[in-house]
Protein backbone atom coordinates (compact mmCIF):
# COMPACT_ATOMS: atom_id res chain seq x y z
CA MET A 1 13.01 -9.00 12.48
CA PRO A 2 14.14 -5.77 14.12
CA ARG A 3 13.02 -2.66 12.30
CA ALA A 4 14.24 0.84 12.83
CA GLY A 5 14.05 3.99 10.84
CA PRO A 6 14.91 7.62 11.32
CA PRO A 7 12.28 9.57 13.30
CA TRP A 8 12.65 12.75 11.22
CA LEU A 9 11.38 13.87 7.83
CA PRO A 10 12.42 13.60 5.14
CA CYS A 11 13.95 10.21 5.72
CA ARG A 12 15.52 7.63 3.49
CA LEU A 13 15.63 3.89 3.97
CA GLN A 14 18.02 1.78 1.95
CA ILE A 15 17.78 -1.98 1.48
CA CYS A 16 20.27 -4.08 -0.44
CA CYS A 17 18.94 -7.29 -1.93
CA ASN A 18 20.81 -10.13 -3.55
CA GLY A 19 18.97 -12.37 -5.96
CA HIS A 20 21.48 -15.24 -5.97
CA HIS A 21 20.00 -16.94 -2.92
CA TRP A 22 16.50 -16.37 -4.27
CA LEU A 23 17.57 -18.04 -7.52
CA ALA A 24 19.14 -20.93 -5.56
CA GLY A 25 15.80 -21.51 -3.84
CA GLN A 26 13.98 -21.47 -7.17
CA LEU A 27 16.46 -23.94 -8.67
CA ARG A 28 16.15 -26.21 -5.63
CA SER A 29 12.34 -26.19 -5.82
CA ARG A 30 12.52 -27.16 -9.51
CA GLY A 31 15.06 -29.92 -8.96
CA ILE A 32 17.81 -28.18 -10.97
CA HIS A 33 21.25 -29.04 -9.58
CA TYR A 34 23.48 -26.08 -8.71
CA GLN A 35 26.52 -25.23 -6.62
CA MET A 36 27.32 -21.98 -4.88
CA ALA A 37 30.53 -20.54 -3.49
CA ASP A 38 29.78 -17.72 -1.09
CA ASN A 39 27.38 -15.55 -3.08
CA ALA A 40 28.00 -16.88 -6.57
CA CYS A 41 26.53 -19.74 -8.57
CA THR A 42 29.58 -21.71 -9.73
CA HIS A 43 27.63 -24.48 -11.44
CA ILE A 44 24.06 -24.71 -12.71
CA ALA A 45 22.97 -27.87 -14.53
CA ASP A 46 20.63 -25.94 -16.85
CA TRP A 47 21.93 -22.40 -17.42
CA PRO A 48 19.27 -21.39 -20.01
CA ARG A 49 16.46 -22.44 -17.69
CA ALA A 50 18.12 -20.66 -14.75
CA GLN A 51 18.38 -17.50 -16.86
CA GLY A 52 14.68 -17.74 -17.67
CA ILE A 53 13.88 -18.05 -13.95
CA ALA A 54 16.10 -15.07 -13.13
CA ASP A 55 14.50 -13.01 -15.90
CA GLY A 56 11.14 -13.60 -14.20
CA TRP A 57 12.22 -11.92 -10.97
CA GLU A 58 10.14 -8.76 -10.57
CA ALA A 59 11.69 -5.95 -8.57
CA GLN A 60 8.29 -4.34 -8.13
CA ARG A 61 7.12 -7.28 -5.96
CA ILE A 62 9.88 -6.71 -3.45
CA HIS A 63 9.37 -2.93 -3.55
CA VAL A 64 5.74 -3.37 -2.48
CA ARG A 65 6.73 -5.68 0.39
CA LEU A 66 9.55 -3.40 1.54
CA ASP A 67 7.21 -0.41 1.48
CA GLU A 68 4.85 -2.34 3.78
CA LEU A 69 7.68 -3.16 6.19
CA ALA A 70 8.96 0.42 6.14
CA ARG A 71 5.53 1.77 7.03
CA ARG A 72 5.31 -0.63 9.98
CA GLY A 73 8.79 0.14 11.27
CA CYS A 74 9.16 3.85 10.55
CA ARG A 75 6.49 6.05 12.10
CA SER A 76 7.69 9.11 10.17
CA ILE A 77 6.55 7.50 6.90
CA GLU A 78 3.05 7.01 8.32
CA ILE A 79 2.98 10.64 9.48
CA ARG A 80 4.25 11.86 6.09
CA ASP A 81 1.53 9.92 4.29
CA SER A 82 -1.15 11.28 6.65
CA VAL A 83 0.01 14.85 6.12
CA ALA A 84 0.17 14.38 2.34
CA GLU A 85 -3.36 12.93 2.34
CA ALA A 86 -4.69 15.78 4.48
CA LEU A 87 -3.14 18.39 2.20
CA GLY A 88 -4.58 16.65 -0.84
């Protein structure tokens, strides 16, 4: 996966994430029939159960993973963290 980030500080990285495909994978793994059209679920055999699965999605989990990827792909973040640590 190519990674690139701005080499200057301060910098901002923006990631857009769609949970529909994540939900589709969860439904598939649980054997719940569903249909999608483009990016939308048009049919789910068990809507209440699907809602419960979707409610369990934790944004913090993806934030932690994206922070790890950003640190690997954007040297300025590593430098910023080193400077912040040195300054206490």
